[in-house]
Every structure is written in structure tokens, then in C-alpha cells.
PDB file of all heavy atoms in Angstrom:
ATOM      1  N   VAL A   1       0.864  -1.194   0.000  1.00  0.00           N
ATOM      2  CA  VAL A   1       0.000   0.000   0.000  1.00  0.00           C
ATOM      3  C   VAL A   1       0.892   1.231   0.000  1.00  0.00           C
ATOM      4  O   VAL A   1       1.138   1.844   1.041  1.00  0.00           O
ATOM      5  CB  VAL A   1      -0.946  -0.013   1.225  1.00  0.00           C
ATOM      6  CG1 VAL A   1      -1.975   1.111   1.116  1.00  0.00           C
ATOM      7  CG2 VAL A   1      -1.631  -1.358   1.367  1.00  0.00           C
ATOM      8  N   PRO A   2       1.390   1.646  -1.179  1.00  0.00           N
ATOM      9  CA  PRO A   2       2.390   2.722  -1.212  1.00  0.00           C
ATOM     10  C   PRO A   2       1.831   4.131  -1.327  1.00  0.00           C
ATOM     11  O   PRO A   2       2.588   5.088  -1.149  1.00  0.00           O
ATOM     12  CB  PRO A   2       3.201   2.377  -2.467  1.00  0.00           C
ATOM     13  CG  PRO A   2       2.203   1.725  -3.376  1.00  0.00           C
ATOM     14  CD  PRO A   2       1.234   0.985  -2.481  1.00  0.00           C
ATOM     15  N   ASN A   3       0.547   4.285  -1.639  1.00  0.00           N
ATOM     16  CA  ASN A   3       0.015   5.636  -1.810  1.00  0.00           C
ATOM     17  C   ASN A   3      -0.142   6.367  -0.486  1.00  0.00           C
ATOM     18  O   ASN A   3       0.039   7.578  -0.420  1.00  0.00           O
ATOM     19  CB  ASN A   3      -1.328   5.589  -2.530  1.00  0.00           C
ATOM     20  CG  ASN A   3      -1.925   6.970  -2.714  1.00  0.00           C
ATOM     21  OD1 ASN A   3      -1.454   7.761  -3.520  1.00  0.00           O
ATOM     22  ND2 ASN A   3      -2.966   7.279  -1.939  1.00  0.00           N
ATOM     23  N   HIS A   4      -0.488   5.640   0.554  1.00  0.00           N
ATOM     24  CA  HIS A   4      -0.790   6.264   1.845  1.00  0.00           C
ATOM     25  C   HIS A   4      -0.449   5.294   2.961  1.00  0.00           C
ATOM     26  O   HIS A   4      -0.292   4.092   2.736  1.00  0.00           O
ATOM     27  CB  HIS A   4      -2.269   6.645   1.927  1.00  0.00           C
ATOM     28  CG  HIS A   4      -3.190   5.510   1.539  1.00  0.00           C
ATOM     29  ND1 HIS A   4      -3.697   5.365   0.275  1.00  0.00           N
ATOM     30  CD2 HIS A   4      -3.659   4.453   2.247  1.00  0.00           C
ATOM     31  CE1 HIS A   4      -4.452   4.277   0.213  1.00  0.00           C
ATOM     32  NE2 HIS A   4      -4.438   3.699   1.402  1.00  0.00           N
ATOM     33  N   CYS A   5      -0.337   5.805   4.146  1.00  0.00           N
ATOM     34  CA  CYS A   5      -0.114   4.968   5.326  1.00  0.00           C
ATOM     35  C   CYS A   5      -1.184   5.310   6.356  1.00  0.00           C
ATOM     36  O   CYS A   5      -2.146   6.022   6.073  1.00  0.00           O
ATOM     37  CB  CYS A   5       1.288   5.175   5.887  1.00  0.00           C
ATOM     38  SG  CYS A   5       1.614   6.841   6.514  1.00  0.00           S
ATOM     39  N   SER A   6      -1.021   4.804   7.561  1.00  0.00           N
ATOM     40  CA  SER A   6      -1.926   5.138   8.669  1.00  0.00           C
ATOM     41  C   SER A   6      -1.484   6.424   9.358  1.00  0.00           C
ATOM     42  O   SER A   6      -0.292   6.752   9.395  1.00  0.00           O
ATOM     43  CB  SER A   6      -1.935   4.001   9.683  1.00  0.00           C
ATOM     44  OG  SER A   6      -2.545   4.399  10.891  1.00  0.00           O
ATOM     45  N   ASP A   7      -2.454   7.119   9.935  1.00  0.00           N
ATOM     46  CA  ASP A   7      -2.080   8.287  10.739  1.00  0.00           C
ATOM     47  C   ASP A   7      -1.393   7.867  12.033  1.00  0.00           C
ATOM     48  O   ASP A   7      -0.893   8.727  12.777  1.00  0.00           O
ATOM     49  CB  ASP A   7      -3.291   9.178  11.022  1.00  0.00           C
ATOM     50  CG  ASP A   7      -4.374   8.486  11.825  1.00  0.00           C
ATOM     51  OD1 ASP A   7      -4.284   7.263  12.085  1.00  0.00           O
ATOM     52  OD2 ASP A   7      -5.356   9.172  12.211  1.00  0.00           O
ATOM     53  N   GLN A   8      -1.329   6.550  12.301  1.00  0.00           N
ATOM     54  CA  GLN A   8      -0.580   6.042  13.451  1.00  0.00           C
ATOM     55  C   GLN A   8       0.830   5.588  13.070  1.00  0.00           C
ATOM     56  O   GLN A   8       1.576   5.098  13.919  1.00  0.00           O
ATOM     57  CB  GLN A   8      -1.343   4.868  14.088  1.00  0.00           C
ATOM     58  CG  GLN A   8      -2.749   5.237  14.558  1.00  0.00           C
ATOM     59  CD  GLN A   8      -2.743   6.351  15.574  1.00  0.00           C
ATOM     60  OE1 GLN A   8      -2.046   6.287  16.585  1.00  0.00           O
ATOM     61  NE2 GLN A   8      -3.517   7.403  15.311  1.00  0.00           N
ATOM     62  N   HIS A   9       1.187   5.703  11.799  1.00  0.00           N
ATOM     63  CA  HIS A   9       2.542   5.365  11.371  1.00  0.00           C
ATOM     64  C   HIS A   9       3.520   6.322  12.067  1.00  0.00           C
ATOM     65  O   HIS A   9       3.237   7.517  12.210  1.00  0.00           O
ATOM     66  CB  HIS A   9       2.646   5.521   9.857  1.00  0.00           C
ATOM     67  CG  HIS A   9       3.905   4.981   9.256  1.00  0.00           C
ATOM     68  ND1 HIS A   9       5.129   5.607   9.390  1.00  0.00           N
ATOM     69  CD2 HIS A   9       4.141   3.863   8.504  1.00  0.00           C
ATOM     70  CE1 HIS A   9       6.061   4.910   8.755  1.00  0.00           C
ATOM     71  NE2 HIS A   9       5.481   3.850   8.209  1.00  0.00           N
ATOM     72  N   PRO A  10       4.680   5.821  12.524  1.00  0.00           N
ATOM     73  CA  PRO A  10       5.630   6.702  13.230  1.00  0.00           C
ATOM     74  C   PRO A  10       6.015   7.944  12.432  1.00  0.00           C
ATOM     75  O   PRO A  10       6.228   9.017  13.020  1.00  0.00           O
ATOM     76  CB  PRO A  10       6.841   5.788  13.469  1.00  0.00           C
ATOM     77  CG  PRO A  10       6.264   4.411  13.511  1.00  0.00           C
ATOM     78  CD  PRO A  10       5.123   4.412  12.538  1.00  0.00           C
ATOM     79  N   TRP A  11       6.094   7.825  11.126  1.00  0.00           N
ATOM     80  CA  TRP A  11       6.423   8.997  10.327  1.00  0.00           C
ATOM     81  C   TRP A  11       5.371  10.092  10.466  1.00  0.00           C
ATOM     82  O   TRP A  11       5.712  11.270  10.567  1.00  0.00           O
ATOM     83  CB  TRP A  11       6.533   8.598   8.849  1.00  0.00           C
ATOM     84  CG  TRP A  11       7.873   8.087   8.427  1.00  0.00           C
ATOM     85  CD1 TRP A  11       8.957   7.858   9.234  1.00  0.00           C
ATOM     86  CD2 TRP A  11       8.266   7.753   7.099  1.00  0.00           C
ATOM     87  NE1 TRP A  11      10.001   7.394   8.486  1.00  0.00           N
ATOM     88  CE2 TRP A  11       9.607   7.321   7.175  1.00  0.00           C
ATOM     89  CE3 TRP A  11       7.631   7.767   5.869  1.00  0.00           C
ATOM     90  CZ2 TRP A  11      10.317   6.907   6.035  1.00  0.00           C
ATOM     91  CZ3 TRP A  11       8.324   7.357   4.740  1.00  0.00           C
ATOM     92  CH2 TRP A  11       9.651   6.933   4.818  1.00  0.00           C
ATOM     93  N   PHE A  12       4.107   9.699  10.467  1.00  0.00           N
ATOM     94  CA  PHE A  12       3.079  10.729  10.533  1.00  0.00           C
ATOM     95  C   PHE A  12       2.981  11.315  11.939  1.00  0.00           C
ATOM     96  O   PHE A  12       2.740  12.516  12.106  1.00  0.00           O
ATOM     97  CB  PHE A  12       1.719  10.181  10.096  1.00  0.00           C
ATOM     98  CG  PHE A  12       0.714  11.263   9.806  1.00  0.00           C
ATOM     99  CD1 PHE A  12       0.867  12.077   8.702  1.00  0.00           C
ATOM    100  CD2 PHE A  12      -0.366  11.487  10.648  1.00  0.00           C
ATOM    101  CE1 PHE A  12      -0.042  13.098   8.427  1.00  0.00           C
ATOM    102  CE2 PHE A  12      -1.280  12.494  10.386  1.00  0.00           C
ATOM    103  CZ  PHE A  12      -1.116  13.307   9.273  1.00  0.00           C
ATOM    104  N   THR A  13       3.171  10.482  12.943  1.00  0.00           N
ATOM    105  CA  THR A  13       3.214  10.994  14.315  1.00  0.00           C
ATOM    106  C   THR A  13       4.324  12.040  14.450  1.00  0.00           C
ATOM    107  O   THR A  13       4.143  13.106  15.060  1.00  0.00           O
ATOM    108  CB  THR A  13       3.448   9.841  15.305  1.00  0.00           C
ATOM    109  OG1 THR A  13       2.399   8.875  15.159  1.00  0.00           O
ATOM    110  CG2 THR A  13       3.471  10.339  16.734  1.00  0.00           C
ATOM    111  N   GLU A  14       5.480  11.727  13.858  1.00  0.00           N
ATOM    112  CA  GLU A  14       6.594  12.667  13.875  1.00  0.00           C
ATOM    113  C   GLU A  14       6.243  13.941  13.111  1.00  0.00           C
ATOM    114  O   GLU A  14       6.569  15.059  13.542  1.00  0.00           O
ATOM    115  CB  GLU A  14       7.830  12.006  13.253  1.00  0.00           C
ATOM    116  CG  GLU A  14       9.067  12.889  13.238  1.00  0.00           C
ATOM    117  CD  GLU A  14      10.250  12.238  12.524  1.00  0.00           C
ATOM    118  OE1 GLU A  14      10.121  11.067  12.103  1.00  0.00           O
ATOM    119  OE2 GLU A  14      11.289  12.921  12.383  1.00  0.00           O
ATOM    120  N   ALA A  15       5.560  13.790  11.975  1.00  0.00           N
ATOM    121  CA  ALA A  15       5.203  14.955  11.158  1.00  0.00           C
ATOM    122  C   ALA A  15       4.265  15.894  11.904  1.00  0.00           C
ATOM    123  O   ALA A  15       4.412  17.120  11.832  1.00  0.00           O
ATOM    124  CB  ALA A  15       4.567  14.496   9.856  1.00  0.00           C
ATOM    125  N   LEU A  16       3.291  15.339  12.642  1.00  0.00           N
ATOM    126  CA  LEU A  16       2.357  16.187  13.386  1.00  0.00           C
ATOM    127  C   LEU A  16       3.066  16.966  14.486  1.00  0.00           C
ATOM    128  O   LEU A  16       2.670  18.091  14.820  1.00  0.00           O
ATOM    129  CB  LEU A  16       1.237  15.334  13.980  1.00  0.00           C
ATOM    130  CG  LEU A  16       0.245  14.724  12.988  1.00  0.00           C
ATOM    131  CD1 LEU A  16      -0.804  13.907  13.737  1.00  0.00           C
ATOM    132  CD2 LEU A  16      -0.428  15.801  12.138  1.00  0.00           C
ATOM    133  N   ALA A  17       4.121  16.365  15.043  1.00  0.00           N
ATOM    134  CA  ALA A  17       4.850  17.039  16.119  1.00  0.00           C
ATOM    135  C   ALA A  17       5.877  18.038  15.591  1.00  0.00           C
ATOM    136  O   ALA A  17       6.381  18.873  16.350  1.00  0.00           O
ATOM    137  CB  ALA A  17       5.545  15.993  16.995  1.00  0.00           C
ATOM    138  N   ALA A  18       6.182  17.944  14.291  1.00  0.00           N
ATOM    139  CA  ALA A  18       7.207  18.795  13.702  1.00  0.00           C
ATOM    140  C   ALA A  18       6.601  20.109  13.197  1.00  0.00           C
ATOM    141  O   ALA A  18       5.383  20.270  13.098  1.00  0.00           O
ATOM    142  CB  ALA A  18       7.909  18.064  12.569  1.00  0.00           C
ATOM    143  N   ALA A  19       7.459  21.012  12.843  1.00  0.00           N
ATOM    144  CA  ALA A  19       7.014  22.322  12.384  1.00  0.00           C
ATOM    145  C   ALA A  19       6.739  22.309  10.887  1.00  0.00           C
ATOM    146  O   ALA A  19       7.282  21.470  10.148  1.00  0.00           O
ATOM    147  CB  ALA A  19       8.096  23.357  12.692  1.00  0.00           C
ATOM    148  N   PRO A  20       5.909  23.230  10.414  1.00  0.00           N
ATOM    149  CA  PRO A  20       5.724  23.366   8.966  1.00  0.00           C
ATOM    150  C   PRO A  20       7.062  23.570   8.262  1.00  0.00           C
ATOM    151  O   PRO A  20       7.952  24.254   8.777  1.00  0.00           O
ATOM    152  CB  PRO A  20       4.838  24.605   8.840  1.00  0.00           C
ATOM    153  CG  PRO A  20       4.061  24.645  10.124  1.00  0.00           C
ATOM    154  CD  PRO A  20       5.041  24.159  11.175  1.00  0.00           C
ATOM    155  N   GLY A  21       7.207  22.913   7.104  1.00  0.00           N
ATOM    156  CA  GLY A  21       8.444  23.023   6.345  1.00  0.00           C
ATOM    157  C   GLY A  21       9.529  22.069   6.782  1.00  0.00           C
ATOM    158  O   GLY A  21      10.621  22.054   6.194  1.00  0.00           O
ATOM    159  N   SER A  22       9.274  21.228   7.796  1.00  0.00           N
ATOM    160  CA  SER A  22      10.279  20.304   8.308  1.00  0.00           C
ATOM    161  C   SER A  22      10.444  19.101   7.390  1.00  0.00           C
ATOM    162  O   SER A  22       9.584  18.784   6.560  1.00  0.00           O
ATOM    163  CB  SER A  22       9.884  19.823   9.702  1.00  0.00           C
ATOM    164  OG  SER A  22       8.663  19.103   9.651  1.00  0.00           O
ATOM    165  N   ALA A  23      11.568  18.405   7.559  1.00  0.00           N
ATOM    166  CA  ALA A  23      11.815  17.188   6.793  1.00  0.00           C
ATOM    167  C   ALA A  23      10.773  16.121   7.098  1.00  0.00           C
ATOM    168  O   ALA A  23      10.394  15.343   6.217  1.00  0.00           O
ATOM    169  CB  ALA A  23      13.216  16.661   7.102  1.00  0.00           C
ATOM    170  N   ALA A  24      10.294  16.086   8.345  1.00  0.00           N
ATOM    171  CA  ALA A  24       9.290  15.087   8.720  1.00  0.00           C
ATOM    172  C   ALA A  24       7.986  15.317   7.956  1.00  0.00           C
ATOM    173  O   ALA A  24       7.332  14.362   7.509  1.00  0.00           O
ATOM    174  CB  ALA A  24       9.037  15.121  10.221  1.00  0.00           C
ATOM    175  N   ARG A  25       7.606  16.581   7.791  1.00  0.00           N
ATOM    176  CA  ARG A  25       6.366  16.850   7.054  1.00  0.00           C
ATOM    177  C   ARG A  25       6.531  16.637   5.554  1.00  0.00           C
ATOM    178  O   ARG A  25       5.555  16.357   4.858  1.00  0.00           O
ATOM    179  CB  ARG A  25       5.883  18.271   7.350  1.00  0.00           C
ATOM    180  CG  ARG A  25       5.324  18.404   8.749  1.00  0.00           C
ATOM    181  CD  ARG A  25       4.335  19.517   8.904  1.00  0.00           C
ATOM    182  NE  ARG A  25       3.744  19.478  10.243  1.00  0.00           N
ATOM    183  CZ  ARG A  25       2.859  20.354  10.702  1.00  0.00           C
ATOM    184  NH1 ARG A  25       2.444  21.352   9.933  1.00  0.00           N
ATOM    185  NH2 ARG A  25       2.361  20.240  11.922  1.00  0.00           N
ATOM    186  N   ASP A  26       7.754  16.725   5.061  1.00  0.00           N
ATOM    187  CA  ASP A  26       7.966  16.575   3.625  1.00  0.00           C
ATOM    188  C   ASP A  26       7.777  15.139   3.152  1.00  0.00           C
ATOM    189  O   ASP A  26       7.691  14.881   1.956  1.00  0.00           O
ATOM    190  CB  ASP A  26       9.367  17.051   3.245  1.00  0.00           C
ATOM    191  CG  ASP A  26       9.543  17.154   1.742  1.00  0.00           C
ATOM    192  OD1 ASP A  26       8.743  17.880   1.100  1.00  0.00           O
ATOM    193  OD2 ASP A  26      10.441  16.482   1.201  1.00  0.00           O
TER     194      ASP A  26
END
């Protein structure tokens, strides 16, 4: 399933905690 992941995936958890423009959100 490469188009999307879960909002519980560690990457997305990290992205929500990161700032706009961060590598995690990218």
C-alpha cells in the first residue's frame, strides 16, 4: 500500500509534532 499509510505510522506521528516546512512533514 504505497500511496498512503496510517495516521498512526511513526512517520506521521513525527510529522504532526514537527514544524511546517520540516523534513518530517515533507
